[in-house]
Full PDB file with SEQRES, HELIX, SHEET, SSBOND, CRYST1, ORIGX, SCALE, CONECT and MASTER records, all heavy atoms in Angstrom:
SEQRES   1 A   34  ASN ILE TRP ILE LEU ASP LYS GLU LEU SER GLU ILE LYS          
SEQRES   2 A   34  PHE GLU LEU PRO VAL LEU LEU VAL GLU ASP VAL ASN GLY          
SEQRES   3 A   34  GLN PHE THR LYS PHE ASP GLY SER                              
SHEET    1 AA1 2 ILE A  12  LEU A  16  0                                        
SHEET    2 AA1 2 VAL A  24  PHE A  28 -1                                        
CRYST1    1.000    1.000    1.000  90.00  90.00  90.00 P 1           1          
ORIGX1      1.000000  0.000000  0.000000        0.00000                         
ORIGX2      0.000000  1.000000  0.000000        0.00000                         
ORIGX3      0.000000  0.000000  1.000000        0.00000                         
SCALE1      1.000000  0.000000  0.000000        0.00000                         
SCALE2      0.000000  1.000000  0.000000        0.00000                         
SCALE3      0.000000  0.000000  1.000000        0.00000                         
ATOM      1  N   ASN A   1       0.805  -1.210   0.000  1.00  0.00           N  
ATOM      2  CA  ASN A   1       0.000   0.000   0.000  1.00  0.00           C  
ATOM      3  C   ASN A   1       0.843   1.267   0.000  1.00  0.00           C  
ATOM      4  O   ASN A   1       0.338   2.343   0.248  1.00  0.00           O  
ATOM      5  CB  ASN A   1      -0.950  -0.006   1.190  1.00  0.00           C  
ATOM      6  CG  ASN A   1      -1.887  -1.189   1.131  1.00  0.00           C  
ATOM      7  OD1 ASN A   1      -2.355  -1.562   0.069  1.00  0.00           O  
ATOM      8  ND2 ASN A   1      -2.134  -1.804   2.268  1.00  0.00           N  
ATOM      9  N   ILE A   2       2.131   1.140  -0.244  1.00  0.00           N  
ATOM     10  CA  ILE A   2       3.018   2.287  -0.347  1.00  0.00           C  
ATOM     11  C   ILE A   2       3.305   2.528  -1.824  1.00  0.00           C  
ATOM     12  O   ILE A   2       3.714   1.618  -2.545  1.00  0.00           O  
ATOM     13  CB  ILE A   2       4.335   2.048   0.431  1.00  0.00           C  
ATOM     14  CG1 ILE A   2       4.034   1.821   1.909  1.00  0.00           C  
ATOM     15  CG2 ILE A   2       5.275   3.232   0.238  1.00  0.00           C  
ATOM     16  CD1 ILE A   2       5.242   1.422   2.723  1.00  0.00           C  
ATOM     17  N   TRP A   3       3.071   3.750  -2.255  1.00  0.00           N  
ATOM     18  CA  TRP A   3       3.301   4.134  -3.649  1.00  0.00           C  
ATOM     19  C   TRP A   3       4.468   5.111  -3.697  1.00  0.00           C  
ATOM     20  O   TRP A   3       4.479   6.125  -3.008  1.00  0.00           O  
ATOM     21  CB  TRP A   3       2.042   4.771  -4.232  1.00  0.00           C  
ATOM     22  CG  TRP A   3       0.921   3.792  -4.337  1.00  0.00           C  
ATOM     23  CD1 TRP A   3       0.092   3.381  -3.329  1.00  0.00           C  
ATOM     24  CD2 TRP A   3       0.519   3.081  -5.501  1.00  0.00           C  
ATOM     25  NE1 TRP A   3      -0.802   2.457  -3.799  1.00  0.00           N  
ATOM     26  CE2 TRP A   3      -0.572   2.255  -5.130  1.00  0.00           C  
ATOM     27  CE3 TRP A   3       0.951   3.068  -6.825  1.00  0.00           C  
ATOM     28  CZ2 TRP A   3      -1.220   1.425  -6.034  1.00  0.00           C  
ATOM     29  CZ3 TRP A   3       0.303   2.256  -7.727  1.00  0.00           C  
ATOM     30  CH2 TRP A   3      -0.752   1.438  -7.333  1.00  0.00           C  
ATOM     31  N   ILE A   4       5.469   4.766  -4.509  1.00  0.00           N  
ATOM     32  CA  ILE A   4       6.708   5.527  -4.603  1.00  0.00           C  
ATOM     33  C   ILE A   4       6.706   6.370  -5.874  1.00  0.00           C  
ATOM     34  O   ILE A   4       6.303   5.906  -6.945  1.00  0.00           O  
ATOM     35  CB  ILE A   4       7.929   4.573  -4.613  1.00  0.00           C  
ATOM     36  CG1 ILE A   4       7.904   3.645  -3.394  1.00  0.00           C  
ATOM     37  CG2 ILE A   4       9.228   5.348  -4.701  1.00  0.00           C  
ATOM     38  CD1 ILE A   4       7.992   4.336  -2.068  1.00  0.00           C  
ATOM     39  N   LEU A   5       7.200   7.574  -5.779  1.00  0.00           N  
ATOM     40  CA  LEU A   5       7.266   8.492  -6.906  1.00  0.00           C  
ATOM     41  C   LEU A   5       8.377   8.093  -7.864  1.00  0.00           C  
ATOM     42  O   LEU A   5       9.509   7.867  -7.442  1.00  0.00           O  
ATOM     43  CB  LEU A   5       7.512   9.910  -6.388  1.00  0.00           C  
ATOM     44  CG  LEU A   5       7.589  11.019  -7.418  1.00  0.00           C  
ATOM     45  CD1 LEU A   5       6.218  11.246  -8.051  1.00  0.00           C  
ATOM     46  CD2 LEU A   5       8.076  12.296  -6.759  1.00  0.00           C  
ATOM     47  N   ASP A   6       8.054   7.996  -9.147  1.00  0.00           N  
ATOM     48  CA  ASP A   6       9.072   7.812 -10.178  1.00  0.00           C  
ATOM     49  C   ASP A   6       9.524   9.203 -10.605  1.00  0.00           C  
ATOM     50  O   ASP A   6       8.809   9.923 -11.301  1.00  0.00           O  
ATOM     51  CB  ASP A   6       8.508   7.035 -11.371  1.00  0.00           C  
ATOM     52  CG  ASP A   6       9.583   6.731 -12.401  1.00  0.00           C  
ATOM     53  OD1 ASP A   6      10.253   7.686 -12.854  1.00  0.00           O  
ATOM     54  OD2 ASP A   6       9.754   5.562 -12.759  1.00  0.00           O  
ATOM     55  N   LYS A   7      10.715   9.595 -10.163  1.00  0.00           N  
ATOM     56  CA  LYS A   7      11.208  10.959 -10.398  1.00  0.00           C  
ATOM     57  C   LYS A   7      11.614  11.205 -11.852  1.00  0.00           C  
ATOM     58  O   LYS A   7      11.667  12.344 -12.285  1.00  0.00           O  
ATOM     59  CB  LYS A   7      12.379  11.244  -9.463  1.00  0.00           C  
ATOM     60  CG  LYS A   7      11.957  11.267  -8.003  1.00  0.00           C  
ATOM     61  CD  LYS A   7      13.113  11.457  -7.076  1.00  0.00           C  
ATOM     62  CE  LYS A   7      13.674  10.096  -6.776  1.00  0.00           C  
ATOM     63  NZ  LYS A   7      14.580  10.014  -5.670  1.00  0.00           N  
ATOM     64  N   GLU A   8      11.889  10.149 -12.596  1.00  0.00           N  
ATOM     65  CA  GLU A   8      12.262  10.319 -14.002  1.00  0.00           C  
ATOM     66  C   GLU A   8      11.056  10.665 -14.874  1.00  0.00           C  
ATOM     67  O   GLU A   8      11.155  11.465 -15.794  1.00  0.00           O  
ATOM     68  CB  GLU A   8      12.937   9.040 -14.524  1.00  0.00           C  
ATOM     69  CG  GLU A   8      14.237   8.701 -13.840  1.00  0.00           C  
ATOM     70  CD  GLU A   8      15.310   9.752 -14.068  1.00  0.00           C  
ATOM     71  OE1 GLU A   8      15.437  10.247 -15.202  1.00  0.00           O  
ATOM     72  OE2 GLU A   8      16.023  10.084 -13.100  1.00  0.00           O  
ATOM     73  N   LEU A   9       9.916  10.064 -14.593  1.00  0.00           N  
ATOM     74  CA  LEU A   9       8.719  10.298 -15.401  1.00  0.00           C  
ATOM     75  C   LEU A   9       7.905  11.498 -14.920  1.00  0.00           C  
ATOM     76  O   LEU A   9       7.196  12.122 -15.705  1.00  0.00           O  
ATOM     77  CB  LEU A   9       7.818   9.053 -15.374  1.00  0.00           C  
ATOM     78  CG  LEU A   9       8.371   7.781 -15.997  1.00  0.00           C  
ATOM     79  CD1 LEU A   9       7.405   6.623 -15.775  1.00  0.00           C  
ATOM     80  CD2 LEU A   9       8.645   7.983 -17.474  1.00  0.00           C  
ATOM     81  N   SER A  10       8.003  11.824 -13.656  1.00  0.00           N  
ATOM     82  CA  SER A  10       7.152  12.850 -13.049  1.00  0.00           C  
ATOM     83  C   SER A  10       7.700  14.251 -13.305  1.00  0.00           C  
ATOM     84  O   SER A  10       8.887  14.432 -13.555  1.00  0.00           O  
ATOM     85  CB  SER A  10       7.053  12.624 -11.544  1.00  0.00           C  
ATOM     86  OG  SER A  10       6.514  11.355 -11.266  1.00  0.00           O  
ATOM     87  N   GLU A  11       6.800  15.234 -13.201  1.00  0.00           N  
ATOM     88  CA  GLU A  11       7.216  16.632 -13.338  1.00  0.00           C  
ATOM     89  C   GLU A  11       6.346  17.523 -12.465  1.00  0.00           C  
ATOM     90  O   GLU A  11       5.176  17.229 -12.225  1.00  0.00           O  
ATOM     91  CB  GLU A  11       7.159  17.092 -14.793  1.00  0.00           C  
ATOM     92  CG  GLU A  11       5.789  17.043 -15.420  1.00  0.00           C  
ATOM     93  CD  GLU A  11       5.784  17.418 -16.897  1.00  0.00           C  
ATOM     94  OE1 GLU A  11       6.850  17.519 -17.506  1.00  0.00           O  
ATOM     95  OE2 GLU A  11       4.689  17.608 -17.433  1.00  0.00           O  
ATOM     96  N   ILE A  12       6.970  18.585 -11.961  1.00  0.00           N  
ATOM     97  CA  ILE A  12       6.269  19.596 -11.180  1.00  0.00           C  
ATOM     98  C   ILE A  12       6.583  20.944 -11.809  1.00  0.00           C  
ATOM     99  O   ILE A  12       7.742  21.365 -11.852  1.00  0.00           O  
ATOM    100  CB  ILE A  12       6.692  19.568  -9.699  1.00  0.00           C  
ATOM    101  CG1 ILE A  12       6.363  18.214  -9.079  1.00  0.00           C  
ATOM    102  CG2 ILE A  12       6.008  20.701  -8.934  1.00  0.00           C  
ATOM    103  CD1 ILE A  12       6.837  18.049  -7.642  1.00  0.00           C  
ATOM    104  N   LYS A  13       5.541  21.613 -12.306  1.00  0.00           N  
ATOM    105  CA  LYS A  13       5.694  22.900 -12.984  1.00  0.00           C  
ATOM    106  C   LYS A  13       4.949  23.972 -12.209  1.00  0.00           C  
ATOM    107  O   LYS A  13       4.076  23.682 -11.404  1.00  0.00           O  
ATOM    108  CB  LYS A  13       5.143  22.812 -14.408  1.00  0.00           C  
ATOM    109  CG  LYS A  13       5.914  21.850 -15.284  1.00  0.00           C  
ATOM    110  CD  LYS A  13       5.389  21.872 -16.702  1.00  0.00           C  
ATOM    111  CE  LYS A  13       6.268  20.997 -17.580  1.00  0.00           C  
ATOM    112  NZ  LYS A  13       5.904  21.099 -18.987  1.00  0.00           N  
ATOM    113  N   PHE A  14       5.302  25.229 -12.488  1.00  0.00           N  
ATOM    114  CA  PHE A  14       4.620  26.347 -11.852  1.00  0.00           C  
ATOM    115  C   PHE A  14       4.489  27.502 -12.830  1.00  0.00           C  
ATOM    116  O   PHE A  14       5.224  27.589 -13.813  1.00  0.00           O  
ATOM    117  CB  PHE A  14       5.356  26.803 -10.582  1.00  0.00           C  
ATOM    118  CG  PHE A  14       6.758  27.296 -10.833  1.00  0.00           C  
ATOM    119  CD1 PHE A  14       7.005  28.627 -11.136  1.00  0.00           C  
ATOM    120  CD2 PHE A  14       7.830  26.424 -10.770  1.00  0.00           C  
ATOM    121  CE1 PHE A  14       8.300  29.080 -11.360  1.00  0.00           C  
ATOM    122  CE2 PHE A  14       9.124  26.862 -10.996  1.00  0.00           C  
ATOM    123  CZ  PHE A  14       9.356  28.187 -11.293  1.00  0.00           C  
ATOM    124  N   GLU A  15       3.516  28.357 -12.548  1.00  0.00           N  
ATOM    125  CA  GLU A  15       3.361  29.576 -13.335  1.00  0.00           C  
ATOM    126  C   GLU A  15       2.873  30.700 -12.435  1.00  0.00           C  
ATOM    127  O   GLU A  15       2.112  30.483 -11.500  1.00  0.00           O  
ATOM    128  CB  GLU A  15       2.434  29.375 -14.526  1.00  0.00           C  
ATOM    129  CG  GLU A  15       1.063  28.888 -14.220  1.00  0.00           C  
ATOM    130  CD  GLU A  15       0.258  28.586 -15.478  1.00  0.00           C  
ATOM    131  OE1 GLU A  15       0.669  27.680 -16.240  1.00  0.00           O  
ATOM    132  OE2 GLU A  15      -0.778  29.242 -15.676  1.00  0.00           O  
ATOM    133  N   LEU A  16       3.376  31.899 -12.735  1.00  0.00           N  
ATOM    134  CA  LEU A  16       3.034  33.099 -11.982  1.00  0.00           C  
ATOM    135  C   LEU A  16       2.745  34.209 -12.981  1.00  0.00           C  
ATOM    136  O   LEU A  16       3.627  34.593 -13.751  1.00  0.00           O  
ATOM    137  CB  LEU A  16       4.193  33.485 -11.055  1.00  0.00           C  
ATOM    138  CG  LEU A  16       4.088  34.800 -10.297  1.00  0.00           C  
ATOM    139  CD1 LEU A  16       2.891  34.785  -9.358  1.00  0.00           C  
ATOM    140  CD2 LEU A  16       5.361  35.067  -9.523  1.00  0.00           C  
ATOM    141  N   PRO A  17       1.519  34.715 -12.998  1.00  0.00           N  
ATOM    142  CA  PRO A  17       1.178  35.790 -13.939  1.00  0.00           C  
ATOM    143  C   PRO A  17       1.946  37.086 -13.649  1.00  0.00           C  
ATOM    144  O   PRO A  17       2.149  37.460 -12.498  1.00  0.00           O  
ATOM    145  CB  PRO A  17      -0.317  36.002 -13.717  1.00  0.00           C  
ATOM    146  CG  PRO A  17      -0.796  34.763 -13.042  1.00  0.00           C  
ATOM    147  CD  PRO A  17       0.362  34.258 -12.248  1.00  0.00           C  
ATOM    148  N   VAL A  18       2.361  37.738 -14.735  1.00  0.00           N  
ATOM    149  CA  VAL A  18       3.064  39.018 -14.655  1.00  0.00           C  
ATOM    150  C   VAL A  18       2.367  39.982 -15.612  1.00  0.00           C  
ATOM    151  O   VAL A  18       2.032  39.611 -16.736  1.00  0.00           O  
ATOM    152  CB  VAL A  18       4.556  38.866 -15.031  1.00  0.00           C  
ATOM    153  CG1 VAL A  18       5.281  40.200 -14.930  1.00  0.00           C  
ATOM    154  CG2 VAL A  18       5.235  37.827 -14.158  1.00  0.00           C  
ATOM    155  N   LEU A  19       2.173  41.211 -15.187  1.00  0.00           N  
ATOM    156  CA  LEU A  19       1.478  42.216 -15.984  1.00  0.00           C  
ATOM    157  C   LEU A  19       2.332  42.656 -17.181  1.00  0.00           C  
ATOM    158  O   LEU A  19       3.507  42.979 -17.031  1.00  0.00           O  
ATOM    159  CB  LEU A  19       1.141  43.426 -15.107  1.00  0.00           C  
ATOM    160  CG  LEU A  19       0.336  44.545 -15.758  1.00  0.00           C  
ATOM    161  CD1 LEU A  19      -1.069  44.047 -16.107  1.00  0.00           C  
ATOM    162  CD2 LEU A  19       0.265  45.743 -14.834  1.00  0.00           C  
ATOM    163  N   LEU A  20       1.755  42.643 -18.361  1.00  0.00           N  
ATOM    164  CA  LEU A  20       2.304  43.195 -19.611  1.00  0.00           C  
ATOM    165  C   LEU A  20       3.517  42.469 -20.193  1.00  0.00           C  
ATOM    166  O   LEU A  20       4.050  42.894 -21.207  1.00  0.00           O  
ATOM    167  CB  LEU A  20       2.640  44.685 -19.462  1.00  0.00           C  
ATOM    168  CG  LEU A  20       1.475  45.591 -19.055  1.00  0.00           C  
ATOM    169  CD1 LEU A  20       1.966  47.012 -18.860  1.00  0.00           C  
ATOM    170  CD2 LEU A  20       0.365  45.540 -20.082  1.00  0.00           C  
ATOM    171  N   VAL A  21       3.979  41.417 -19.559  1.00  0.00           N  
ATOM    172  CA  VAL A  21       5.083  40.624 -20.123  1.00  0.00           C  
ATOM    173  C   VAL A  21       4.726  39.147 -19.979  1.00  0.00           C  
ATOM    174  O   VAL A  21       3.712  38.787 -19.382  1.00  0.00           O  
ATOM    175  CB  VAL A  21       6.448  40.911 -19.439  1.00  0.00           C  
ATOM    176  CG1 VAL A  21       6.905  42.332 -19.701  1.00  0.00           C  
ATOM    177  CG2 VAL A  21       6.398  40.626 -17.959  1.00  0.00           C  
ATOM    178  N   GLU A  22       5.599  38.314 -20.509  1.00  0.00           N  
ATOM    179  CA  GLU A  22       5.371  36.868 -20.415  1.00  0.00           C  
ATOM    180  C   GLU A  22       5.355  36.426 -18.952  1.00  0.00           C  
ATOM    181  O   GLU A  22       6.165  36.884 -18.146  1.00  0.00           O  
ATOM    182  CB  GLU A  22       6.485  36.137 -21.172  1.00  0.00           C  
ATOM    183  CG  GLU A  22       6.312  34.647 -21.227  1.00  0.00           C  
ATOM    184  CD  GLU A  22       7.449  33.949 -21.983  1.00  0.00           C  
ATOM    185  OE1 GLU A  22       8.351  34.630 -22.501  1.00  0.00           O  
ATOM    186  OE2 GLU A  22       7.419  32.718 -22.020  1.00  0.00           O  
ATOM    187  N   ASP A  23       4.408  35.558 -18.609  1.00  0.00           N  
ATOM    188  CA  ASP A  23       4.319  35.022 -17.252  1.00  0.00           C  
ATOM    189  C   ASP A  23       5.593  34.282 -16.877  1.00  0.00           C  
ATOM    190  O   ASP A  23       6.316  33.781 -17.738  1.00  0.00           O  
ATOM    191  CB  ASP A  23       3.131  34.059 -17.129  1.00  0.00           C  
ATOM    192  CG  ASP A  23       1.793  34.764 -17.251  1.00  0.00           C  
ATOM    193  OD1 ASP A  23       1.751  36.011 -17.178  1.00  0.00           O  
ATOM    194  OD2 ASP A  23       0.777  34.059 -17.405  1.00  0.00           O  
ATOM    195  N   VAL A  24       5.875  34.205 -15.594  1.00  0.00           N  
ATOM    196  CA  VAL A  24       6.981  33.388 -15.105  1.00  0.00           C  
ATOM    197  C   VAL A  24       6.509  31.935 -15.147  1.00  0.00           C  
ATOM    198  O   VAL A  24       5.502  31.580 -14.542  1.00  0.00           O  
ATOM    199  CB  VAL A  24       7.372  33.775 -13.665  1.00  0.00           C  
ATOM    200  CG1 VAL A  24       8.444  32.832 -13.133  1.00  0.00           C  
ATOM    201  CG2 VAL A  24       7.833  35.222 -13.594  1.00  0.00           C  
ATOM    202  N   ASN A  25       7.220  31.121 -15.898  1.00  0.00           N  
ATOM    203  CA  ASN A  25       6.921  29.688 -16.013  1.00  0.00           C  
ATOM    204  C   ASN A  25       8.178  28.911 -15.691  1.00  0.00           C  
ATOM    205  O   ASN A  25       9.281  29.323 -16.068  1.00  0.00           O  
ATOM    206  CB  ASN A  25       6.465  29.328 -17.429  1.00  0.00           C  
ATOM    207  CG  ASN A  25       5.127  29.928 -17.757  1.00  0.00           C  
ATOM    208  OD1 ASN A  25       4.135  29.605 -17.125  1.00  0.00           O  
ATOM    209  ND2 ASN A  25       5.101  30.820 -18.735  1.00  0.00           N  
ATOM    210  N   GLY A  26       8.010  27.797 -15.019  1.00  0.00           N  
ATOM    211  CA  GLY A  26       9.176  26.991 -14.706  1.00  0.00           C  
ATOM    212  C   GLY A  26       8.794  25.628 -14.176  1.00  0.00           C  
ATOM    213  O   GLY A  26       7.631  25.229 -14.195  1.00  0.00           O  
ATOM    214  N   GLN A  27       9.829  24.928 -13.741  1.00  0.00           N  
ATOM    215  CA  GLN A  27       9.630  23.607 -13.164  1.00  0.00           C  
ATOM    216  C   GLN A  27      10.732  23.326 -12.158  1.00  0.00           C  
ATOM    217  O   GLN A  27      11.767  23.988 -12.147  1.00  0.00           O  
ATOM    218  CB  GLN A  27       9.607  22.537 -14.235  1.00  0.00           C  
ATOM    219  CG  GLN A  27      10.914  22.339 -14.963  1.00  0.00           C  
ATOM    220  CD  GLN A  27      10.797  21.265 -16.034  1.00  0.00           C  
ATOM    221  OE1 GLN A  27       9.709  20.813 -16.366  1.00  0.00           O  
ATOM    222  NE2 GLN A  27      11.915  20.860 -16.579  1.00  0.00           N  
ATOM    223  N   PHE A  28      10.460  22.338 -11.302  1.00  0.00           N  
ATOM    224  CA  PHE A  28      11.464  21.853 -10.360  1.00  0.00           C  
ATOM    225  C   PHE A  28      11.977  20.521 -10.883  1.00  0.00           C  
ATOM    226  O   PHE A  28      11.197  19.679 -11.321  1.00  0.00           O  
ATOM    227  CB  PHE A  28      10.854  21.685  -8.967  1.00  0.00           C  
ATOM    228  CG  PHE A  28      10.428  22.982  -8.350  1.00  0.00           C  
ATOM    229  CD1 PHE A  28       9.104  23.386  -8.391  1.00  0.00           C  
ATOM    230  CD2 PHE A  28      11.361  23.804  -7.744  1.00  0.00           C  
ATOM    231  CE1 PHE A  28       8.708  24.580  -7.826  1.00  0.00           C  
ATOM    232  CE2 PHE A  28      10.978  25.010  -7.183  1.00  0.00           C  
ATOM    233  CZ  PHE A  28       9.649  25.400  -7.221  1.00  0.00           C  
ATOM    234  N   THR A  29      13.284  20.339 -10.840  1.00  0.00           N  
ATOM    235  CA  THR A  29      13.876  19.113 -11.372  1.00  0.00           C  
ATOM    236  C   THR A  29      14.247  18.107 -10.278  1.00  0.00           C  
ATOM    237  O   THR A  29      14.514  16.952 -10.586  1.00  0.00           O  
ATOM    238  CB  THR A  29      15.125  19.434 -12.213  1.00  0.00           C  
ATOM    239  OG1 THR A  29      16.077  20.111 -11.384  1.00  0.00           O  
ATOM    240  CG2 THR A  29      14.761  20.302 -13.407  1.00  0.00           C  
ATOM    241  N   LYS A  30      14.272  18.555  -9.019  1.00  0.00           N  
ATOM    242  CA  LYS A  30      14.602  17.649  -7.916  1.00  0.00           C  
ATOM    243  C   LYS A  30      13.466  17.668  -6.903  1.00  0.00           C  
ATOM    244  O   LYS A  30      13.184  18.709  -6.289  1.00  0.00           O  
ATOM    245  CB  LYS A  30      15.911  18.050  -7.249  1.00  0.00           C  
ATOM    246  CG  LYS A  30      17.115  17.870  -8.143  1.00  0.00           C  
ATOM    247  CD  LYS A  30      18.386  18.239  -7.436  1.00  0.00           C  
ATOM    248  CE  LYS A  30      19.574  18.117  -8.383  1.00  0.00           C  
ATOM    249  NZ  LYS A  30      20.807  18.610  -7.768  1.00  0.00           N  
ATOM    250  N   PHE A  31      12.834  16.526  -6.739  1.00  0.00           N  
ATOM    251  CA  PHE A  31      11.728  16.374  -5.800  1.00  0.00           C  
ATOM    252  C   PHE A  31      11.586  14.898  -5.465  1.00  0.00           C  
ATOM    253  O   PHE A  31      12.140  14.038  -6.143  1.00  0.00           O  
ATOM    254  CB  PHE A  31      10.425  16.943  -6.381  1.00  0.00           C  
ATOM    255  CG  PHE A  31      10.135  16.486  -7.783  1.00  0.00           C  
ATOM    256  CD1 PHE A  31       9.460  15.303  -8.026  1.00  0.00           C  
ATOM    257  CD2 PHE A  31      10.549  17.237  -8.872  1.00  0.00           C  
ATOM    258  CE1 PHE A  31       9.199  14.873  -9.317  1.00  0.00           C  
ATOM    259  CE2 PHE A  31      10.290  16.826 -10.174  1.00  0.00           C  
ATOM    260  CZ  PHE A  31       9.617  15.642 -10.395  1.00  0.00           C  
ATOM    261  N   ASP A  32      10.849  14.617  -4.414  1.00  0.00           N  
ATOM    262  CA  ASP A  32      10.643  13.239  -3.999  1.00  0.00           C  
ATOM    263  C   ASP A  32       9.342  13.161  -3.207  1.00  0.00           C  
ATOM    264  O   ASP A  32       8.803  14.187  -2.805  1.00  0.00           O  
ATOM    265  CB  ASP A  32      11.812  12.761  -3.139  1.00  0.00           C  
ATOM    266  CG  ASP A  32      11.977  11.259  -3.151  1.00  0.00           C  
ATOM    267  OD1 ASP A  32      11.088  10.550  -3.687  1.00  0.00           O  
ATOM    268  OD2 ASP A  32      12.979  10.769  -2.612  1.00  0.00           O  
ATOM    269  N   GLY A  33       8.873  11.954  -2.994  1.00  0.00           N  
ATOM    270  CA  GLY A  33       7.674  11.785  -2.211  1.00  0.00           C  
ATOM    271  C   GLY A  33       7.095  10.401  -2.336  1.00  0.00           C  
ATOM    272  O   GLY A  33       7.575   9.565  -3.109  1.00  0.00           O  
ATOM    273  N   SER A  34       6.055  10.175  -1.557  1.00  0.00           N  
ATOM    274  CA  SER A  34       5.362   8.895  -1.597  1.00  0.00           C  
ATOM    275  C   SER A  34       3.941   9.075  -1.082  1.00  0.00           C  
ATOM    276  O   SER A  34       3.604  10.090  -0.473  1.00  0.00           O  
ATOM    277  CB  SER A  34       6.099   7.844  -0.759  1.00  0.00           C  
ATOM    278  OG  SER A  34       6.168   8.246   0.583  1.00  0.00           O  
TER     279      SER A  34                                                      
MASTER        0    0    0    0    2    0    0    6  278    1    0    3          
END                                                                             
């Protein structure tokens, strides 16, 4: 009943709106969890 994160296949992205220019977009490359 324990599910482990596959860090190679998974992705975590984020976005933050900014006025009059392109939004801040990015991702985290190092993460873990279960």
